[in-house]
PDB file of N, CA and C in Angstrom:
ATOM      1  N   MET A   1      81.215  85.045  88.871  1.00  0.00           N
ATOM      2  CA  MET A   1      82.172  84.239  89.590  1.00  0.00           C
ATOM      3  C   MET A   1      81.935  84.350  91.087  1.00  0.00           C
ATOM      4  N   THR A   2      82.167  83.270  91.744  1.00  0.00           N
ATOM      5  CA  THR A   2      82.005  83.292  93.198  1.00  0.00           C
ATOM      6  C   THR A   2      83.343  83.572  93.859  1.00  0.00           C
ATOM      7  N   PRO A   3      83.318  84.156  95.041  1.00  0.00           N
ATOM      8  CA  PRO A   3      84.566  84.477  95.724  1.00  0.00           C
ATOM      9  C   PRO A   3      85.360  83.240  96.154  1.00  0.00           C
ATOM     10  N   THR A   4      84.688  82.082  96.278  1.00  0.00           N
ATOM     11  CA  THR A   4      85.417  80.883  96.687  1.00  0.00           C
ATOM     12  C   THR A   4      86.438  80.461  95.651  1.00  0.00           C
ATOM     13  N   ILE A   5      86.161  80.699  94.391  1.00  0.00           N
ATOM     14  CA  ILE A   5      87.115  80.357  93.346  1.00  0.00           C
ATOM     15  C   ILE A   5      88.359  81.235  93.465  1.00  0.00           C
ATOM     16  N   ALA A   6      88.170  82.516  93.706  1.00  0.00           N
ATOM     17  CA  ALA A   6      89.306  83.424  93.859  1.00  0.00           C
ATOM     18  C   ALA A   6      90.147  83.021  95.065  1.00  0.00           C
ATOM     19  N   ASN A   7      89.519  82.689  96.185  1.00  0.00           N
ATOM     20  CA  ASN A   7      90.255  82.271  97.370  1.00  0.00           C
ATOM     21  C   ASN A   7      91.012  80.980  97.107  1.00  0.00           C
ATOM     22  N   ARG A   8      90.377  80.046  96.437  1.00  0.00           N
ATOM     23  CA  ARG A   8      91.013  78.768  96.145  1.00  0.00           C
ATOM     24  C   ARG A   8      92.251  78.984  95.277  1.00  0.00           C
ATOM     25  N   THR A   9      92.152  79.858  94.303  1.00  0.00           N
ATOM     26  CA  THR A   9      93.269  80.143  93.429  1.00  0.00           C
ATOM     27  C   THR A   9      94.420  80.764  94.213  1.00  0.00           C
ATOM     28  N   GLU A  10      94.110  81.664  95.123  1.00  0.00           N
ATOM     29  CA  GLU A  10      95.133  82.336  95.909  1.00  0.00           C
ATOM     30  C   GLU A  10      95.843  81.354  96.841  1.00  0.00           C
ATOM     31  N   VAL A  11      95.109  80.467  97.465  1.00  0.00           N
ATOM     32  CA  VAL A  11      95.685  79.519  98.415  1.00  0.00           C
ATOM     33  C   VAL A  11      96.555  78.499  97.697  1.00  0.00           C
ATOM     34  N   PHE A  12      96.135  78.032  96.527  1.00  0.00           N
ATOM     35  CA  PHE A  12      96.850  76.990  95.816  1.00  0.00           C
ATOM     36  C   PHE A  12      97.694  77.535  94.674  1.00  0.00           C
ATOM     37  N   ASP A  13      98.243  78.708  94.843  1.00  0.00           N
ATOM     38  CA  ASP A  13      99.102  79.292  93.819  1.00  0.00           C
ATOM     39  C   ASP A  13     100.399  78.496  93.758  1.00  0.00           C
ATOM     40  N   ASN A  14     100.628  77.818  92.642  1.00  0.00           N
ATOM     41  CA  ASN A  14     101.806  76.974  92.489  1.00  0.00           C
ATOM     42  C   ASN A  14     102.832  77.587  91.554  1.00  0.00           C
ATOM     43  N   SER A  15     102.869  78.891  91.463  1.00  0.00           N
ATOM     44  CA  SER A  15     103.832  79.514  90.567  1.00  0.00           C
ATOM     45  C   SER A  15     105.242  79.310  91.105  1.00  0.00           C
ATOM     46  N   GLY A  16     106.204  79.314  90.203  1.00  0.00           N
ATOM     47  CA  GLY A  16     107.592  79.110  90.589  1.00  0.00           C
ATOM     48  C   GLY A  16     108.124  80.271  91.403  1.00  0.00           C
ATOM     49  N   VAL A  17     109.064  79.961  92.254  1.00  0.00           N
ATOM     50  CA  VAL A  17     109.708  80.952  93.100  1.00  0.00           C
ATOM     51  C   VAL A  17     111.209  80.777  92.917  1.00  0.00           C
ATOM     52  N   LYS A  18     111.935  81.859  92.830  1.00  0.00           N
ATOM     53  CA  LYS A  18     113.387  81.761  92.722  1.00  0.00           C
ATOM     54  C   LYS A  18     113.958  81.286  94.054  1.00  0.00           C
ATOM     55  N   GLY A  19     115.133  80.680  93.996  1.00  0.00           N
ATOM     56  CA  GLY A  19     115.777  80.170  95.207  1.00  0.00           C
ATOM     57  C   GLY A  19     116.017  81.253  96.244  1.00  0.00           C
ATOM     58  N   SER A  20     116.418  82.444  95.800  1.00  0.00           N
ATOM     59  CA  SER A  20     116.669  83.544  96.734  1.00  0.00           C
ATOM     60  C   SER A  20     115.383  83.990  97.429  1.00  0.00           C
ATOM     61  N   GLU A  21     114.280  84.005  96.708  1.00  0.00           N
ATOM     62  CA  GLU A  21     112.984  84.366  97.303  1.00  0.00           C
ATOM     63  C   GLU A  21     112.554  83.309  98.312  1.00  0.00           C
ATOM     64  N   PHE A  22     112.802  82.045  98.001  1.00  0.00           N
ATOM     65  CA  PHE A  22     112.501  80.957  98.930  1.00  0.00           C
ATOM     66  C   PHE A  22     113.250  81.164 100.242  1.00  0.00           C
ATOM     67  N   LEU A  23     114.535  81.520 100.166  1.00  0.00           N
ATOM     68  CA  LEU A  23     115.319  81.760 101.379  1.00  0.00           C
ATOM     69  C   LEU A  23     114.743  82.912 102.197  1.00  0.00           C
ATOM     70  N   ARG A  24     114.334  83.988 101.527  1.00  0.00           N
ATOM     71  CA  ARG A  24     113.750  85.137 102.247  1.00  0.00           C
ATOM     72  C   ARG A  24     112.463  84.753 102.960  1.00  0.00           C
ATOM     73  N   ARG A  25     111.616  83.998 102.277  1.00  0.00           N
ATOM     74  CA  ARG A  25     110.345  83.591 102.876  1.00  0.00           C
ATOM     75  C   ARG A  25     110.564  82.682 104.079  1.00  0.00           C
ATOM     76  N   VAL A  26     111.461  81.720 103.923  1.00  0.00           N
ATOM     77  CA  VAL A  26     111.722  80.779 105.020  1.00  0.00           C
ATOM     78  C   VAL A  26     112.366  81.503 106.202  1.00  0.00           C
ATOM     79  N   LYS A  27     113.232  82.461 105.916  1.00  0.00           N
ATOM     80  CA  LYS A  27     113.870  83.226 106.996  1.00  0.00           C
ATOM     81  C   LYS A  27     112.831  83.991 107.817  1.00  0.00           C
ATOM     82  N   ALA A  28     111.849  84.569 107.144  1.00  0.00           N
ATOM     83  CA  ALA A  28     110.777  85.297 107.840  1.00  0.00           C
ATOM     84  C   ALA A  28     109.959  84.346 108.713  1.00  0.00           C
ATOM     85  N   VAL A  29     109.666  83.157 108.204  1.00  0.00           N
ATOM     86  CA  VAL A  29     108.913  82.166 108.980  1.00  0.00           C
ATOM     87  C   VAL A  29     109.728  81.730 110.189  1.00  0.00           C
ATOM     88  N   ALA A  30     111.023  81.507 109.994  1.00  0.00           N
ATOM     89  CA  ALA A  30     111.895  81.086 111.090  1.00  0.00           C
ATOM     90  C   ALA A  30     111.939  82.145 112.189  1.00  0.00           C
ATOM     91  N   ARG A  31     111.985  83.401 111.810  1.00  0.00           N
ATOM     92  CA  ARG A  31     111.981  84.484 112.809  1.00  0.00           C
ATOM     93  C   ARG A  31     110.682  84.489 113.609  1.00  0.00           C
ATOM     94  N   ARG A  32     109.550  84.365 112.891  1.00  0.00           N
ATOM     95  CA  ARG A  32     108.258  84.369 113.580  1.00  0.00           C
ATOM     96  C   ARG A  32     108.123  83.209 114.544  1.00  0.00           C
ATOM     97  N   LYS A  33     108.638  82.045 114.140  1.00  0.00           N
ATOM     98  CA  LYS A  33     108.522  80.846 114.972  1.00  0.00           C
ATOM     99  C   LYS A  33     109.690  80.697 115.952  1.00  0.00           C
ATOM    100  N   LYS A  34     110.630  81.671 115.909  1.00  0.00           N
ATOM    101  CA  LYS A  34     111.812  81.665 116.776  1.00  0.00           C
ATOM    102  C   LYS A  34     112.626  80.384 116.613  1.00  0.00           C
ATOM    103  N   LEU A  35     112.884  80.036 115.347  1.00  0.00           N
ATOM    104  CA  LEU A  35     113.698  78.869 115.012  1.00  0.00           C
ATOM    105  C   LEU A  35     115.057  79.327 114.493  1.00  0.00           C
ATOM    106  N   ALA A  36     116.068  78.512 114.719  1.00  0.00           N
ATOM    107  CA  ALA A  36     117.397  78.813 114.181  1.00  0.00           C
ATOM    108  C   ALA A  36     117.348  78.715 112.666  1.00  0.00           C
ATOM    109  N   TYR A  37     118.028  79.626 111.995  1.00  0.00           N
ATOM    110  CA  TYR A  37     118.065  79.679 110.523  1.00  0.00           C
ATOM    111  C   TYR A  37     119.530  79.774 110.117  1.00  0.00           C
ATOM    112  N   ARG A  38     119.950  78.892 109.211  1.00  0.00           N
ATOM    113  CA  ARG A  38     121.344  78.935 108.747  1.00  0.00           C
ATOM    114  C   ARG A  38     121.403  78.495 107.292  1.00  0.00           C
ATOM    115  N   TRP A  39     122.022  79.326 106.457  1.00  0.00           N
ATOM    116  CA  TRP A  39     122.219  79.027 105.036  1.00  0.00           C
ATOM    117  C   TRP A  39     123.708  78.737 104.837  1.00  0.00           C
ATOM    118  N   VAL A  40     124.025  77.557 104.303  1.00  0.00           N
ATOM    119  CA  VAL A  40     125.414  77.151 104.089  1.00  0.00           C
ATOM    120  C   VAL A  40     125.606  76.854 102.600  1.00  0.00           C
ATOM    121  N   PRO A  41     126.050  77.852 101.820  1.00  0.00           N
ATOM    122  CA  PRO A  41     126.207  77.633 100.386  1.00  0.00           C
ATOM    123  C   PRO A  41     127.348  76.669 100.044  1.00  0.00           C
ATOM    124  N   GLU A  42     128.330  76.540 100.941  1.00  0.00           N
ATOM    125  CA  GLU A  42     129.463  75.654 100.678  1.00  0.00           C
ATOM    126  C   GLU A  42     129.078  74.181 100.784  1.00  0.00           C
ATOM    127  N   ARG A  43     128.018  73.880 101.515  1.00  0.00           N
ATOM    128  CA  ARG A  43     127.627  72.491 101.732  1.00  0.00           C
ATOM    129  C   ARG A  43     126.644  72.064 100.642  1.00  0.00           C
ATOM    130  N   GLY A  44     127.143  71.921  99.461  1.00  0.00           N
ATOM    131  CA  GLY A  44     126.352  71.511  98.312  1.00  0.00           C
ATOM    132  C   GLY A  44     127.248  71.454  97.105  1.00  0.00           C
ATOM    133  N   SER A  45     126.806  70.802  96.067  1.00  0.00           N
ATOM    134  CA  SER A  45     127.646  70.719  94.874  1.00  0.00           C
ATOM    135  C   SER A  45     127.206  71.764  93.860  1.00  0.00           C
ATOM    136  N   GLY A  46     128.177  72.379  93.218  1.00  0.00           N
ATOM    137  CA  GLY A  46     127.873  73.392  92.217  1.00  0.00           C
ATOM    138  C   GLY A  46     127.182  74.595  92.826  1.00  0.00           C
ATOM    139  N   SER A  47     126.016  74.917  92.327  1.00  0.00           N
ATOM    140  CA  SER A  47     125.285  76.098  92.798  1.00  0.00           C
ATOM    141  C   SER A  47     124.308  75.768  93.921  1.00  0.00           C
ATOM    142  N   HIS A  48     124.290  74.529  94.384  1.00  0.00           N
ATOM    143  CA  HIS A  48     123.392  74.113  95.457  1.00  0.00           C
ATOM    144  C   HIS A  48     123.972  74.486  96.822  1.00  0.00           C
ATOM    145  N   GLY A  49     123.098  74.595  97.808  1.00  0.00           N
ATOM    146  CA  GLY A  49     123.507  74.862  99.180  1.00  0.00           C
ATOM    147  C   GLY A  49     122.527  74.207 100.128  1.00  0.00           C
ATOM    148  N   THR A  50     122.873  74.198 101.408  1.00  0.00           N
ATOM    149  CA  THR A  50     122.018  73.575 102.406  1.00  0.00           C
ATOM    150  C   THR A  50     121.409  74.642 103.311  1.00  0.00           C
ATOM    151  N   LEU A  51     120.122  74.521 103.554  1.00  0.00           N
ATOM    152  CA  LEU A  51     119.388  75.429 104.423  1.00  0.00           C
ATOM    153  C   LEU A  51     118.938  74.663 105.657  1.00  0.00           C
ATOM    154  N   TYR A  52     119.315  75.170 106.824  1.00  0.00           N
ATOM    155  CA  TYR A  52     118.917  74.568 108.098  1.00  0.00           C
ATOM    156  C   TYR A  52     117.910  75.485 108.786  1.00  0.00           C
ATOM    157  N   VAL A  53     116.795  74.905 109.220  1.00  0.00           N
ATOM    158  CA  VAL A  53     115.780  75.649 109.975  1.00  0.00           C
ATOM    159  C   VAL A  53     115.395  74.773 111.157  1.00  0.00           C
ATOM    160  N   GLY A  54     115.690  75.258 112.360  1.00  0.00           N
ATOM    161  CA  GLY A  54     115.441  74.432 113.533  1.00  0.00           C
ATOM    162  C   GLY A  54     116.319  73.191 113.446  1.00  0.00           C
ATOM    163  N   GLY A  55     115.739  72.033 113.621  1.00  0.00           N
ATOM    164  CA  GLY A  55     116.464  70.781 113.525  1.00  0.00           C
ATOM    165  C   GLY A  55     116.342  70.108 112.176  1.00  0.00           C
ATOM    166  N   ARG A  56     115.810  70.791 111.181  1.00  0.00           N
ATOM    167  CA  ARG A  56     115.586  70.210 109.858  1.00  0.00           C
ATOM    168  C   ARG A  56     116.434  70.913 108.814  1.00  0.00           C
ATOM    169  N   PHE A  57     116.579  70.266 107.657  1.00  0.00           N
ATOM    170  CA  PHE A  57     117.336  70.885 106.578  1.00  0.00           C
ATOM    171  C   PHE A  57     116.792  70.462 105.222  1.00  0.00           C
ATOM    172  N   THR A  58     117.168  71.223 104.209  1.00  0.00           N
ATOM    173  CA  THR A  58     116.844  70.903 102.825  1.00  0.00           C
ATOM    174  C   THR A  58     117.943  71.456 101.929  1.00  0.00           C
ATOM    175  N   ILE A  59     118.049  70.912 100.738  1.00  0.00           N
ATOM    176  CA  ILE A  59     119.014  71.387  99.748  1.00  0.00           C
ATOM    177  C   ILE A  59     118.298  72.370  98.821  1.00  0.00           C
ATOM    178  N   VAL A  60     118.925  73.527  98.579  1.00  0.00           N
ATOM    179  CA  VAL A  60     118.335  74.560  97.722  1.00  0.00           C
ATOM    180  C   VAL A  60     119.154  74.646  96.438  1.00  0.00           C
ATOM    181  N   LYS A  61     118.454  74.643  95.313  1.00  0.00           N
ATOM    182  CA  LYS A  61     119.099  74.784  94.004  1.00  0.00           C
ATOM    183  C   LYS A  61     119.686  76.177  93.843  1.00  0.00           C
ATOM    184  N   ASP A  62     120.128  76.447  92.661  1.00  0.00           N
ATOM    185  CA  ASP A  62     120.672  77.748  92.285  1.00  0.00           C
ATOM    186  C   ASP A  62     119.717  78.863  92.721  1.00  0.00           C
ATOM    187  N   LEU A  63     120.250  79.862  93.413  1.00  0.00           N
ATOM    188  CA  LEU A  63     119.414  80.942  93.944  1.00  0.00           C
ATOM    189  C   LEU A  63     118.818  81.822  92.848  1.00  0.00           C
ATOM    190  N   LYS A  64     119.379  81.770  91.658  1.00  0.00           N
ATOM    191  CA  LYS A  64     118.907  82.627  90.565  1.00  0.00           C
ATOM    192  C   LYS A  64     117.845  81.961  89.703  1.00  0.00           C
ATOM    193  N   LYS A  65     117.632  80.665  89.903  1.00  0.00           N
ATOM    194  CA  LYS A  65     116.688  79.932  89.056  1.00  0.00           C
ATOM    195  C   LYS A  65     115.372  79.666  89.775  1.00  0.00           C
ATOM    196  N   GLU A  66     114.338  79.451  88.972  1.00  0.00           N
ATOM    197  CA  GLU A  66     113.008  79.150  89.498  1.00  0.00           C
ATOM    198  C   GLU A  66     112.965  77.740  90.089  1.00  0.00           C
ATOM    199  N   LEU A  67     112.255  77.595  91.200  1.00  0.00           N
ATOM    200  CA  LEU A  67     111.995  76.287  91.800  1.00  0.00           C
ATOM    201  C   LEU A  67     110.597  75.884  91.356  1.00  0.00           C
ATOM    202  N   GLY A  68     110.465  74.712  90.799  1.00  0.00           N
ATOM    203  CA  GLY A  68     109.161  74.240  90.355  1.00  0.00           C
ATOM    204  C   GLY A  68     108.232  73.975  91.526  1.00  0.00           C
ATOM    205  N   PRO A  69     106.937  73.885  91.273  1.00  0.00           N
ATOM    206  CA  PRO A  69     105.967  73.697  92.360  1.00  0.00           C
ATOM    207  C   PRO A  69     106.161  72.395  93.129  1.00  0.00           C
ATOM    208  N   GLY A  70     106.536  71.328  92.459  1.00  0.00           N
ATOM    209  CA  GLY A  70     106.742  70.051  93.156  1.00  0.00           C
ATOM    210  C   GLY A  70     107.943  70.098  94.074  1.00  0.00           C
ATOM    211  N   LEU A  71     109.058  70.642  93.564  1.00  0.00           N
ATOM    212  CA  LEU A  71     110.267  70.770  94.371  1.00  0.00           C
ATOM    213  C   LEU A  71     110.019  71.703  95.545  1.00  0.00           C
ATOM    214  N   LEU A  72     109.332  72.794  95.297  1.00  0.00           N
ATOM    215  CA  LEU A  72     109.026  73.766  96.349  1.00  0.00           C
ATOM    216  C   LEU A  72     108.204  73.119  97.458  1.00  0.00           C
ATOM    217  N   SER A  73     107.204  72.355  97.083  1.00  0.00           N
ATOM    218  CA  SER A  73     106.366  71.654  98.051  1.00  0.00           C
ATOM    219  C   SER A  73     107.192  70.679  98.887  1.00  0.00           C
ATOM    220  N   ASP A  74     108.080  69.937  98.233  1.00  0.00           N
ATOM    221  CA  ASP A  74     108.928  68.977  98.947  1.00  0.00           C
ATOM    222  C   ASP A  74     109.857  69.685  99.926  1.00  0.00           C
ATOM    223  N   MET A  75     110.384  70.829  99.520  1.00  0.00           N
ATOM    224  CA  MET A  75     111.303  71.564 100.396  1.00  0.00           C
ATOM    225  C   MET A  75     110.580  72.087 101.626  1.00  0.00           C
ATOM    226  N   TYR A  76     109.352  72.583 101.454  1.00  0.00           N
ATOM    227  CA  TYR A  76     108.571  73.039 102.607  1.00  0.00           C
ATOM    228  C   TYR A  76     108.308  71.879 103.559  1.00  0.00           C
ATOM    229  N   LYS A  77     107.983  70.708 103.018  1.00  0.00           N
ATOM    230  CA  LYS A  77     107.738  69.528 103.846  1.00  0.00           C
ATOM    231  C   LYS A  77     108.985  69.126 104.617  1.00  0.00           C
ATOM    232  N   GLN A  78     110.136  69.147 103.944  1.00  0.00           N
ATOM    233  CA  GLN A  78     111.386  68.788 104.601  1.00  0.00           C
ATOM    234  C   GLN A  78     111.721  69.724 105.750  1.00  0.00           C
ATOM    235  N   LEU A  79     111.329  70.983 105.634  1.00  0.00           N
ATOM    236  CA  LEU A  79     111.589  71.951 106.691  1.00  0.00           C
ATOM    237  C   LEU A  79     110.477  72.002 107.730  1.00  0.00           C
ATOM    238  N   GLY A  80     109.369  71.315 107.478  1.00  0.00           N
ATOM    239  CA  GLY A  80     108.249  71.336 108.416  1.00  0.00           C
ATOM    240  C   GLY A  80     107.483  72.635 108.402  1.00  0.00           C
ATOM    241  N   ILE A  81     107.463  73.298 107.231  1.00  0.00           N
ATOM    242  CA  ILE A  81     106.771  74.573 107.087  1.00  0.00           C
ATOM    243  C   ILE A  81     105.538  74.358 106.216  1.00  0.00           C
ATOM    244  N   ARG A  82     104.417  74.867 106.684  1.00  0.00           N
ATOM    245  CA  ARG A  82     103.202  74.791 105.872  1.00  0.00           C
ATOM    246  C   ARG A  82     103.108  76.021 104.996  1.00  0.00           C
ATOM    247  N   LYS A  83     102.469  75.868 103.871  1.00  0.00           N
ATOM    248  CA  LYS A  83     102.315  77.009 102.955  1.00  0.00           C
ATOM    249  C   LYS A  83     101.547  78.160 103.607  1.00  0.00           C
ATOM    250  N   GLU A  84     100.659  77.823 104.543  1.00  0.00           N
ATOM    251  CA  GLU A  84      99.877  78.851 105.238  1.00  0.00           C
ATOM    252  C   GLU A  84     100.765  79.718 106.126  1.00  0.00           C
ATOM    253  N   ASP A  85     101.922  79.219 106.542  1.00  0.00           N
ATOM    254  CA  ASP A  85     102.824  79.969 107.410  1.00  0.00           C
ATOM    255  C   ASP A  85     103.513  81.120 106.686  1.00  0.00           C
ATOM    256  N   LEU A  86     103.503  81.060 105.358  1.00  0.00           N
ATOM    257  CA  LEU A  86     104.183  82.093 104.587  1.00  0.00           C
ATOM    258  C   LEU A  86     103.360  83.344 104.594  1.00  0.00           C
TER     259      LEU A  86
END
């Protein structure tokens, strides 16, 4: 096996992440980039909440459940965060 395959797999890891882990990762990125970070669980229906980072926001599902790769990608885009920033 060549090392490029291992690197490619690591960069494009699309495994699910729980909502709480997503918040921790985004909070760390916000600190590094010196952006405002605010989690508002009341601003959502049911178990959803709103996450504000800088001037952008996204809706986060239940913090205890896995976020699928497509939803996770969309949420990063909505916040203006690249996967490389994590």
